[in-house]
C-alpha atoms as a PDB file:
ATOM      1  CA  MET A   1      -0.134  -0.016  -0.024  1.00  0.00           C
ATOM      2  CA  SER A   2       1.807   3.409  -0.973  1.00  0.00           C
ATOM      3  CA  GLU A   3       2.664   5.861   1.215  1.00  0.00           C
ATOM      4  CA  ILE A   4      -0.036   9.137   1.379  1.00  0.00           C
ATOM      5  CA  LYS A   5       2.011  12.612   1.511  1.00  0.00           C
ATOM      6  CA  ILE A   6       0.186  15.345   3.241  1.00  0.00           C
ATOM      7  CA  ALA A   7       1.470  19.321   3.453  1.00  0.00           C
ATOM      8  CA  CYS A   8      -0.261  21.301   6.493  1.00  0.00           C
ATOM      9  CA  ILE A   9       0.231  24.690   5.298  1.00  0.00           C
ATOM     10  CA  GLY A  10      -0.112  26.339   8.938  1.00  0.00           C
ATOM     11  CA  SER A  11       0.304  25.112  12.296  1.00  0.00           C
ATOM     12  CA  GLY A  12      -2.370  26.637  14.302  1.00  0.00           C
ATOM     13  CA  ASN A  13      -4.791  25.118  16.232  1.00  0.00           C
ATOM     14  CA  MET A  14      -6.872  23.209  13.788  1.00  0.00           C
ATOM     15  CA  GLY A  15      -4.358  22.183  11.016  1.00  0.00           C
ATOM     16  CA  PHE A  16      -2.858  20.393  14.279  1.00  0.00           C
ATOM     17  CA  ALA A  17      -6.079  19.233  15.138  1.00  0.00           C
ATOM     18  CA  LEU A  18      -6.761  17.389  11.412  1.00  0.00           C
ATOM     19  CA  MET A  19      -3.128  16.615  11.438  1.00  0.00           C
ATOM     20  CA  LYS A  20      -3.768  14.725  14.776  1.00  0.00           C
ATOM     21  CA  GLY A  21      -7.290  12.974  13.501  1.00  0.00           C
ATOM     22  CA  ILE A  22      -5.348  12.001  10.136  1.00  0.00           C
ATOM     23  CA  ALA A  23      -2.593  10.244  12.280  1.00  0.00           C
ATOM     24  CA  ALA A  24      -5.075   8.361  14.520  1.00  0.00           C
ATOM     25  CA  ILE A  25      -7.576   7.215  11.287  1.00  0.00           C
ATOM     26  CA  SER A  26      -3.851   5.668   9.620  1.00  0.00           C
ATOM     27  CA  LYS A  27      -2.995   4.695  12.871  1.00  0.00           C
ATOM     28  CA  LYS A  28      -5.884   2.588  12.899  1.00  0.00           C
ATOM     29  CA  SER A  29      -7.088   1.724   9.140  1.00  0.00           C
ATOM     30  CA  ASN A  30      -3.496   0.905   9.031  1.00  0.00           C
ATOM     31  CA  LYS A  31      -2.876   3.029   5.897  1.00  0.00           C
ATOM     32  CA  PRO A  32      -0.225   4.898   5.617  1.00  0.00           C
ATOM     33  CA  VAL A  33       0.714   8.772   5.725  1.00  0.00           C
ATOM     34  CA  SER A  34       3.235  10.864   5.862  1.00  0.00           C
ATOM     35  CA  ILE A  35       2.561  14.287   7.531  1.00  0.00           C
ATOM     36  CA  GLY A  36       4.541  17.448   7.356  1.00  0.00           C
ATOM     37  CA  PHE A  37       4.522  20.929   8.452  1.00  0.00           C
ATOM     38  CA  THR A  38       5.230  24.371   6.845  1.00  0.00           C
ATOM     39  CA  ASP A  39       4.585  27.596   9.315  1.00  0.00           C
ATOM     40  CA  ALA A  40       5.303  31.423   8.663  1.00  0.00           C
ATOM     41  CA  TYR A  41       7.034  30.553  12.109  1.00  0.00           C
ATOM     42  CA  ALA A  42       9.481  27.658  11.649  1.00  0.00           C
ATOM     43  CA  GLU A  43       9.586  26.800  15.856  1.00  0.00           C
ATOM     44  CA  LYS A  44       5.380  26.636  15.352  1.00  0.00           C
ATOM     45  CA  ALA A  45       5.841  23.643  12.657  1.00  0.00           C
ATOM     46  CA  LYS A  46       8.409  22.341  14.189  1.00  0.00           C
ATOM     47  CA  THR A  47       6.490  22.535  17.597  1.00  0.00           C
ATOM     48  CA  ALA A  48       3.545  20.418  15.857  1.00  0.00           C
ATOM     49  CA  ALA A  49       5.565  17.485  14.299  1.00  0.00           C
ATOM     50  CA  ASP A  50       6.831  17.283  17.342  1.00  0.00           C
ATOM     51  CA  ALA A  51       3.895  16.260  18.740  1.00  0.00           C
ATOM     52  CA  LEU A  52       2.265  13.965  16.133  1.00  0.00           C
ATOM     53  CA  GLY A  53       5.878  12.395  15.272  1.00  0.00           C
ATOM     54  CA  ALA A  54       5.684  14.632  11.530  1.00  0.00           C
ATOM     55  CA  GLY A  55       8.095  16.402   9.870  1.00  0.00           C
ATOM     56  CA  VAL A  56       9.125  20.131   9.288  1.00  0.00           C
ATOM     57  CA  PHE A  57       9.095  21.410   5.372  1.00  0.00           C
ATOM     58  CA  GLY A  58      11.458  24.155   4.201  1.00  0.00           C
ATOM     59  CA  SER A  59       9.157  26.172   2.474  1.00  0.00           C
ATOM     60  CA  ASN A  60       5.771  25.930   1.488  1.00  0.00           C
ATOM     61  CA  THR A  61       7.338  25.424  -2.207  1.00  0.00           C
ATOM     62  CA  GLU A  62       8.977  22.044  -1.387  1.00  0.00           C
ATOM     63  CA  ALA A  63       5.555  21.232   0.832  1.00  0.00           C
ATOM     64  CA  THR A  64       3.896  21.548  -2.332  1.00  0.00           C
ATOM     65  CA  GLU A  65       5.992  20.183  -4.696  1.00  0.00           C
ATOM     66  CA  LYS A  66       6.651  16.391  -2.581  1.00  0.00           C
ATOM     67  CA  ALA A  67       2.015  15.952  -1.269  1.00  0.00           C
ATOM     68  CA  ASP A  68      -0.411  14.369  -2.563  1.00  0.00           C
ATOM     69  CA  PHE A  69      -2.649  16.439  -0.549  1.00  0.00           C
ATOM     70  CA  VAL A  70      -2.076  19.987   0.443  1.00  0.00           C
ATOM     71  CA  PHE A  71      -3.874  21.359   3.506  1.00  0.00           C
ATOM     72  CA  LEU A  72      -4.484  25.677   3.866  1.00  0.00           C
ATOM     73  CA  ALA A  73      -4.703  25.578   7.503  1.00  0.00           C
ATOM     74  CA  VAL A  74      -4.236  29.802   6.731  1.00  0.00           C
ATOM     75  CA  LYS A  75      -6.364  32.540   7.363  1.00  0.00           C
ATOM     76  CA  PRO A  76      -8.952  33.901   5.006  1.00  0.00           C
ATOM     77  CA  GLN A  77      -6.493  37.553   5.247  1.00  0.00           C
ATOM     78  CA  THR A  78      -3.390  35.762   4.138  1.00  0.00           C
ATOM     79  CA  ILE A  79      -4.542  32.207   1.970  1.00  0.00           C
ATOM     80  CA  SER A  80      -4.192  35.025  -0.931  1.00  0.00           C
ATOM     81  CA  GLU A  81      -0.345  35.525  -0.596  1.00  0.00           C
ATOM     82  CA  VAL A  82       0.004  31.616   0.508  1.00  0.00           C
ATOM     83  CA  LEU A  83      -1.759  30.993  -3.411  1.00  0.00           C
ATOM     84  CA  ALA A  84       0.635  32.783  -5.268  1.00  0.00           C
ATOM     85  CA  GLU A  85       3.626  31.389  -3.046  1.00  0.00           C
ATOM     86  CA  ILE A  86       2.205  28.271  -4.521  1.00  0.00           C
ATOM     87  CA  ALA A  87       1.020  28.368  -7.600  1.00  0.00           C
ATOM     88  CA  PRO A  88       4.049  28.223  -9.531  1.00  0.00           C
ATOM     89  CA  VAL A  89       4.650  25.124  -7.919  1.00  0.00           C
ATOM     90  CA  ILE A  90       1.641  23.892  -8.865  1.00  0.00           C
ATOM     91  CA  GLN A  91       1.598  24.800 -12.746  1.00  0.00           C
ATOM     92  CA  LYS A  92       4.430  22.487 -13.188  1.00  0.00           C
ATOM     93  CA  ARG A  93       2.827  19.670 -11.348  1.00  0.00           C
ATOM     94  CA  LEU A  94      -0.750  20.083 -13.649  1.00  0.00           C
ATOM     95  CA  ALA A  95       0.079  16.737 -14.970  1.00  0.00           C
ATOM     96  CA  ALA A  96      -0.344  14.942 -12.196  1.00  0.00           C
ATOM     97  CA  PRO A  97      -1.545  18.505  -9.287  1.00  0.00           C
ATOM     98  CA  PRO A  98      -1.994  18.112  -5.402  1.00  0.00           C
ATOM     99  CA  LEU A  99      -5.173  18.185  -3.718  1.00  0.00           C
ATOM    100  CA  LEU A 100      -5.291  21.352  -1.992  1.00  0.00           C
ATOM    101  CA  VAL A 101      -7.971  21.793   0.830  1.00  0.00           C
ATOM    102  CA  SER A 102      -8.654  24.625   1.969  1.00  0.00           C
ATOM    103  CA  MET A 103     -10.085  26.217   5.467  1.00  0.00           C
ATOM    104  CA  ALA A 104     -10.392  29.072   4.760  1.00  0.00           C
ATOM    105  CA  ALA A 105     -13.644  31.162   5.242  1.00  0.00           C
ATOM    106  CA  GLY A 106     -15.189  32.991   2.251  1.00  0.00           C
ATOM    107  CA  TRP A 107     -12.893  31.877  -0.363  1.00  0.00           C
ATOM    108  CA  THR A 108     -14.550  29.652  -2.661  1.00  0.00           C
ATOM    109  CA  ILE A 109     -13.033  27.006  -4.652  1.00  0.00           C
ATOM    110  CA  GLU A 110     -13.636  28.538  -8.337  1.00  0.00           C
ATOM    111  CA  LYS A 111     -12.088  31.843  -6.805  1.00  0.00           C
ATOM    112  CA  ILE A 112      -9.034  29.309  -5.808  1.00  0.00           C
ATOM    113  CA  GLN A 113      -8.693  27.705  -8.611  1.00  0.00           C
ATOM    114  CA  THR A 114      -8.700  31.296 -10.287  1.00  0.00           C
ATOM    115  CA  VAL A 115      -5.895  32.309  -8.317  1.00  0.00           C
ATOM    116  CA  ILE A 116      -3.889  29.531  -9.164  1.00  0.00           C
ATOM    117  CA  ALA A 117      -4.495  29.017 -12.651  1.00  0.00           C
ATOM    118  CA  SER A 118      -3.301  32.385 -14.023  1.00  0.00           C
ATOM    119  CA  GLY A 119      -4.423  31.837 -17.454  1.00  0.00           C
ATOM    120  CA  SER A 120      -4.493  28.366 -17.651  1.00  0.00           C
ATOM    121  CA  ALA A 121      -7.545  26.478 -18.491  1.00  0.00           C
ATOM    122  CA  VAL A 122      -6.945  23.612 -16.050  1.00  0.00           C
ATOM    123  CA  LYS A 123      -9.139  23.142 -13.408  1.00  0.00           C
ATOM    124  CA  ILE A 124      -6.878  22.372 -10.435  1.00  0.00           C
ATOM    125  CA  PRO A 125      -8.811  19.714  -7.844  1.00  0.00           C
ATOM    126  CA  VAL A 126      -9.789  22.262  -4.792  1.00  0.00           C
ATOM    127  CA  ALA A 127     -11.854  20.945  -1.632  1.00  0.00           C
ATOM    128  CA  ARG A 128     -13.041  22.874   0.795  1.00  0.00           C
ATOM    129  CA  ILE A 129     -13.549  22.066   4.742  1.00  0.00           C
ATOM    130  CA  MET A 130     -15.183  24.286   7.333  1.00  0.00           C
ATOM    131  CA  PRO A 131     -13.522  22.121  10.532  1.00  0.00           C
ATOM    132  CA  ASN A 132     -14.637  23.668  14.352  1.00  0.00           C
ATOM    133  CA  THR A 133     -12.491  23.871  16.878  1.00  0.00           C
ATOM    134  CA  PRO A 134     -13.968  20.249  18.473  1.00  0.00           C
ATOM    135  CA  ALA A 135     -11.910  18.852  16.595  1.00  0.00           C
ATOM    136  CA  LEU A 136      -8.576  18.595  18.859  1.00  0.00           C
ATOM    137  CA  ILE A 137     -10.684  16.077  21.071  1.00  0.00           C
ATOM    138  CA  SER A 138     -11.843  14.011  17.280  1.00  0.00           C
ATOM    139  CA  LYS A 139     -15.693  15.422  18.058  1.00  0.00           C
ATOM    140  CA  GLY A 140     -15.338  18.292  15.353  1.00  0.00           C
ATOM    141  CA  MET A 141     -18.287  18.400  12.808  1.00  0.00           C
ATOM    142  CA  ILE A 142     -16.196  18.818   9.264  1.00  0.00           C
ATOM    143  CA  ALA A 143     -18.468  20.167   6.100  1.00  0.00           C
ATOM    144  CA  LEU A 144     -16.597  18.948   3.205  1.00  0.00           C
ATOM    145  CA  ALA A 145     -17.449  20.118  -0.811  1.00  0.00           C
ATOM    146  CA  VAL A 146     -14.798  18.925  -4.135  1.00  0.00           C
ATOM    147  CA  SER A 147     -14.809  20.598  -6.854  1.00  0.00           C
ATOM    148  CA  PRO A 148     -15.065  18.175 -10.512  1.00  0.00           C
ATOM    149  CA  ALA A 149     -11.759  18.114 -11.073  1.00  0.00           C
ATOM    150  CA  VAL A 150     -11.043  16.151  -7.969  1.00  0.00           C
ATOM    151  CA  SER A 151     -10.814  12.216  -8.394  1.00  0.00           C
ATOM    152  CA  ASP A 152     -13.664   9.528  -6.882  1.00  0.00           C
ATOM    153  CA  GLU A 153     -10.748   8.149  -5.320  1.00  0.00           C
ATOM    154  CA  ASN A 154      -8.776  11.123  -3.458  1.00  0.00           C
ATOM    155  CA  ALA A 155     -12.878  12.332  -2.880  1.00  0.00           C
ATOM    156  CA  ASP A 156     -13.638   9.276  -0.596  1.00  0.00           C
ATOM    157  CA  ALA A 157      -9.438   9.311   0.923  1.00  0.00           C
ATOM    158  CA  LEU A 158     -10.035  12.969   2.255  1.00  0.00           C
ATOM    159  CA  GLU A 159     -13.367  12.083   3.190  1.00  0.00           C
ATOM    160  CA  GLU A 160     -11.829   8.886   4.945  1.00  0.00           C
ATOM    161  CA  MET A 161      -8.651  11.028   6.995  1.00  0.00           C
ATOM    162  CA  LEU A 162     -10.479  14.375   7.981  1.00  0.00           C
ATOM    163  CA  LYS A 163     -13.212  11.750   9.831  1.00  0.00           C
ATOM    164  CA  GLY A 164     -10.165  10.875  12.740  1.00  0.00           C
ATOM    165  CA  ALA A 165     -11.388  14.356  13.248  1.00  0.00           C
ATOM    166  CA  GLY A 166     -14.565  13.979  13.657  1.00  0.00           C
ATOM    167  CA  THR A 167     -17.917  13.573  11.747  1.00  0.00           C
ATOM    168  CA  VAL A 168     -17.829  14.530   8.072  1.00  0.00           C
ATOM    169  CA  ASP A 169     -20.695  15.349   5.677  1.00  0.00           C
ATOM    170  CA  ARG A 170     -20.694  16.476   2.350  1.00  0.00           C
ATOM    171  CA  ILE A 171     -21.967  19.240   1.243  1.00  0.00           C
ATOM    172  CA  PRO A 172     -23.109  21.531  -1.491  1.00  0.00           C
ATOM    173  CA  GLU A 173     -20.760  24.089  -2.336  1.00  0.00           C
ATOM    174  CA  ASN A 174     -23.181  27.270  -1.774  1.00  0.00           C
ATOM    175  CA  TYR A 175     -23.993  26.421   2.069  1.00  0.00           C
ATOM    176  CA  PHE A 176     -20.736  27.000   3.499  1.00  0.00           C
ATOM    177  CA  ASN A 177     -20.580  30.402   4.243  1.00  0.00           C
ATOM    178  CA  ALA A 178     -23.734  29.433   6.835  1.00  0.00           C
ATOM    179  CA  VAL A 179     -21.721  26.327   7.925  1.00  0.00           C
ATOM    180  CA  THR A 180     -19.208  28.538   8.664  1.00  0.00           C
ATOM    181  CA  GLY A 181     -21.769  30.472  11.218  1.00  0.00           C
ATOM    182  CA  LEU A 182     -23.541  27.935  12.717  1.00  0.00           C
ATOM    183  CA  SER A 183     -20.624  25.454  12.946  1.00  0.00           C
ATOM    184  CA  GLY A 184     -17.317  26.913  12.696  1.00  0.00           C
ATOM    185  CA  SER A 185     -18.399  29.814  15.422  1.00  0.00           C
ATOM    186  CA  GLY A 186     -21.104  27.571  16.988  1.00  0.00           C
ATOM    187  CA  PRO A 187     -18.148  26.415  19.795  1.00  0.00           C
ATOM    188  CA  ALA A 188     -17.999  30.048  20.428  1.00  0.00           C
ATOM    189  CA  PHE A 189     -21.642  30.335  21.041  1.00  0.00           C
ATOM    190  CA  ALA A 190     -21.943  27.638  23.456  1.00  0.00           C
ATOM    191  CA  PHE A 191     -18.582  27.798  25.406  1.00  0.00           C
ATOM    192  CA  MET A 192     -20.098  31.360  26.382  1.00  0.00           C
ATOM    193  CA  PHE A 193     -23.410  29.641  27.029  1.00  0.00           C
ATOM    194  CA  ILE A 194     -22.036  26.887  29.818  1.00  0.00           C
ATOM    195  CA  GLU A 195     -19.782  30.041  30.795  1.00  0.00           C
ATOM    196  CA  ALA A 196     -23.242  31.992  31.897  1.00  0.00           C
ATOM    197  CA  LEU A 197     -24.876  28.676  33.351  1.00  0.00           C
ATOM    198  CA  ALA A 198     -22.315  27.963  35.837  1.00  0.00           C
ATOM    199  CA  ASP A 199     -21.834  31.658  36.157  1.00  0.00           C
ATOM    200  CA  GLY A 200     -26.011  31.036  37.073  1.00  0.00           C
ATOM    201  CA  GLY A 201     -24.996  28.025  39.646  1.00  0.00           C
ATOM    202  CA  VAL A 202     -22.192  30.051  41.306  1.00  0.00           C
ATOM    203  CA  LEU A 203     -24.896  32.724  42.211  1.00  0.00           C
ATOM    204  CA  ALA A 204     -27.344  30.732  42.886  1.00  0.00           C
ATOM    205  CA  GLY A 205     -24.416  28.701  45.820  1.00  0.00           C
ATOM    206  CA  LEU A 206     -22.246  25.975  43.696  1.00  0.00           C
ATOM    207  CA  PRO A 207     -18.398  26.083  44.003  1.00  0.00           C
ATOM    208  CA  ARG A 208     -17.525  26.932  41.184  1.00  0.00           C
ATOM    209  CA  ASP A 209     -15.871  23.869  39.847  1.00  0.00           C
ATOM    210  CA  LYS A 210     -19.281  21.837  40.462  1.00  0.00           C
ATOM    211  CA  ALA A 211     -20.791  24.553  38.702  1.00  0.00           C
ATOM    212  CA  LEU A 212     -18.651  24.343  35.685  1.00  0.00           C
ATOM    213  CA  ARG A 213     -18.604  20.658  35.344  1.00  0.00           C
ATOM    214  CA  TYR A 214     -22.555  20.393  35.289  1.00  0.00           C
ATOM    215  CA  ALA A 215     -23.061  23.235  33.383  1.00  0.00           C
ATOM    216  CA  ALA A 216     -20.517  21.306  30.693  1.00  0.00           C
ATOM    217  CA  GLN A 217     -21.820  17.808  30.986  1.00  0.00           C
ATOM    218  CA  THR A 218     -25.856  19.002  31.020  1.00  0.00           C
ATOM    219  CA  VAL A 219     -25.038  20.783  27.512  1.00  0.00           C
ATOM    220  CA  LEU A 220     -23.175  17.894  26.580  1.00  0.00           C
ATOM    221  CA  GLY A 221     -25.674  15.508  27.285  1.00  0.00           C
ATOM    222  CA  SER A 222     -28.403  17.223  26.169  1.00  0.00           C
ATOM    223  CA  ALA A 223     -27.143  17.827  22.738  1.00  0.00           C
ATOM    224  CA  ALA A 224     -26.723  13.954  22.465  1.00  0.00           C
ATOM    225  CA  MET A 225     -30.201  13.441  23.324  1.00  0.00           C
ATOM    226  CA  VAL A 226     -30.672  15.488  20.084  1.00  0.00           C
ATOM    227  CA  LEU A 227     -28.878  13.845  18.022  1.00  0.00           C
ATOM    228  CA  GLU A 228     -29.814  10.081  19.435  1.00  0.00           C
ATOM    229  CA  LEU A 229     -33.616  11.276  19.273  1.00  0.00           C
ATOM    230  CA  GLU A 230     -34.133  13.331  15.920  1.00  0.00           C
ATOM    231  CA  THR A 231     -36.141  11.425  13.760  1.00  0.00           C
ATOM    232  CA  GLU A 232     -38.536  10.895  17.007  1.00  0.00           C
ATOM    233  CA  PHE A 233     -38.560  14.485  18.736  1.00  0.00           C
ATOM    234  CA  HIS A 234     -38.002  18.068  17.804  1.00  0.00           C
ATOM    235  CA  PRO A 235     -35.773  20.041  20.421  1.00  0.00           C
ATOM    236  CA  ALA A 236     -38.630  22.049  21.219  1.00  0.00           C
ATOM    237  CA  GLU A 237     -40.522  18.308  22.289  1.00  0.00           C
ATOM    238  CA  LEU A 238     -37.114  17.824  24.427  1.00  0.00           C
ATOM    239  CA  LYS A 239     -37.895  21.446  26.353  1.00  0.00           C
ATOM    240  CA  ASP A 240     -41.587  20.588  26.941  1.00  0.00           C
ATOM    241  CA  MET A 241     -40.474  17.264  28.360  1.00  0.00           C
ATOM    242  CA  VAL A 242     -38.744  18.879  31.195  1.00  0.00           C
ATOM    243  CA  ALA A 243     -40.561  22.378  32.019  1.00  0.00           C
ATOM    244  CA  SER A 244     -43.317  21.327  34.062  1.00  0.00           C
ATOM    245  CA  PRO A 245     -46.287  23.474  34.523  1.00  0.00           C
ATOM    246  CA  GLY A 246     -46.095  25.928  37.379  1.00  0.00           C
ATOM    247  CA  GLY A 247     -41.918  24.390  37.672  1.00  0.00           C
ATOM    248  CA  THR A 248     -38.457  25.648  38.040  1.00  0.00           C
ATOM    249  CA  THR A 249     -37.462  25.222  34.439  1.00  0.00           C
ATOM    250  CA  ILE A 250     -40.401  27.391  32.474  1.00  0.00           C
ATOM    251  CA  ALA A 251     -39.414  30.309  35.178  1.00  0.00           C
ATOM    252  CA  GLY A 252     -36.129  28.961  33.579  1.00  0.00           C
ATOM    253  CA  ILE A 253     -36.969  29.594  30.387  1.00  0.00           C
ATOM    254  CA  ALA A 254     -39.701  32.567  31.094  1.00  0.00           C
ATOM    255  CA  ALA A 255     -36.149  34.194  31.642  1.00  0.00           C
ATOM    256  CA  LEU A 256     -33.995  33.677  28.555  1.00  0.00           C
ATOM    257  CA  GLU A 257     -37.541  34.840  26.720  1.00  0.00           C
ATOM    258  CA  SER A 258     -37.571  38.307  28.687  1.00  0.00           C
ATOM    259  CA  GLY A 259     -33.564  38.534  27.355  1.00  0.00           C
ATOM    260  CA  SER A 260     -34.389  37.724  23.745  1.00  0.00           C
ATOM    261  CA  PHE A 261     -32.161  34.109  24.363  1.00  0.00           C
ATOM    262  CA  ARG A 262     -33.222  32.535  20.862  1.00  0.00           C
ATOM    263  CA  SER A 263     -33.460  35.874  18.929  1.00  0.00           C
ATOM    264  CA  ALA A 264     -29.654  36.695  20.173  1.00  0.00           C
ATOM    265  CA  ALA A 265     -28.790  32.750  19.396  1.00  0.00           C
ATOM    266  CA  ILE A 266     -29.922  33.419  15.946  1.00  0.00           C
ATOM    267  CA  GLN A 267     -28.437  36.709  15.204  1.00  0.00           C
ATOM    268  CA  ALA A 268     -24.968  35.883  16.881  1.00  0.00           C
ATOM    269  CA  VAL A 269     -25.003  32.511  13.992  1.00  0.00           C
ATOM    270  CA  THR A 270     -26.184  35.728  11.223  1.00  0.00           C
ATOM    271  CA  ALA A 271     -24.090  37.617  11.382  1.00  0.00           C
ATOM    272  CA  ALA A 272     -20.721  35.034  11.617  1.00  0.00           C
ATOM    273  CA  TRP A 273     -22.356  34.091   8.345  1.00  0.00           C
ATOM    274  CA  LYS A 274     -22.421  37.840   7.154  1.00  0.00           C
ATOM    275  CA  ARG A 275     -19.382  37.992   7.710  1.00  0.00           C
ATOM    276  CA  ALA A 276     -18.057  35.007   6.181  1.00  0.00           C
ATOM    277  CA  GLU A 277     -20.189  36.383   3.412  1.00  0.00           C
ATOM    278  CA  GLU A 278     -17.411  39.418   3.743  1.00  0.00           C
ATOM    279  CA  LEU A 279     -14.607  37.819   3.459  1.00  0.00           C
ATOM    280  CA  GLY A 280     -15.681  36.329   0.173  1.00  0.00           C
END
C-alpha cells in the first residue's frame, strides 16, 4: 500500500487538530501517511511536528512540490499570499497536481482555482472544508465540498482521513458560509452559554468547579439526546418534556425569553454568516 504524502501549510490549532486526526485514523486503519508541516514561524511548525512525530518542510513551495494533499490551514486574510507563492509549483505539476484542501472562510473553490490557474484552462483539484474546534478532541463537525476536478478516489480518501477529527458531511459548496456561521463559529457561542450556566450555578451557591462541570455535562448530554432522538423528537418537544407546569424549568425559560435568548442566538449565527460572505 503506497504512502499518502500530506502537507499542512499552517500549524495553528485547526491545522494541528486535523493532522492529529489523520495520524490517528491512519494508525487505526493501517493506511500509511506521511505528514509534514510548514509555517511562517518555523519553531511553531517544529512544535506541531514533534507532537505528532511528523516532519517539517523548509517552505510552502517544498511542501507543495512533494505532497499529494496540501492542506491550506491559514486565515482568509493570508490565503491569497500563500496561493500566489505555491501557484508556480502547481502549474509545473498540472499533469499530476496535488489536491488543495482549503479551510479559509469565504474563499470559494472557483476563486482558489482562478488564483492558481494564472490563465491556464486546467481546473486544479480543490476541496473546501469547514471544521470546528472540537476537532481538537476528535469531536469536530466538518463540512466538505469538492470540485469536479477531484477524483472519486481522492474525494473518498480525503473524507476517510477527516473522520479522524470528527463527523464529516459532504454538502453543496453554496452552504459553506452558513455552515461557517453555525458550526464554524458555534463552539464559541456554546462555550459562552456553558460559562453563563456555570455563573448562574455559582450565583445560586454552587462551588465554581462543580458549577462548570454540571453546566458542561448538561450541554453535552442534551446535545447527545438531540442527535440520538432527532428522528423522533424536535428539540422543542424535548424542551417541553423538562418544563413542568408551574415548575422551575418554565420559570427559567421565561427568564431566557425575556432576555431575547433565541433571538440573540439567531443573530449571532447570521452575523457570523454575513462576515463569512464579506471575507469572500
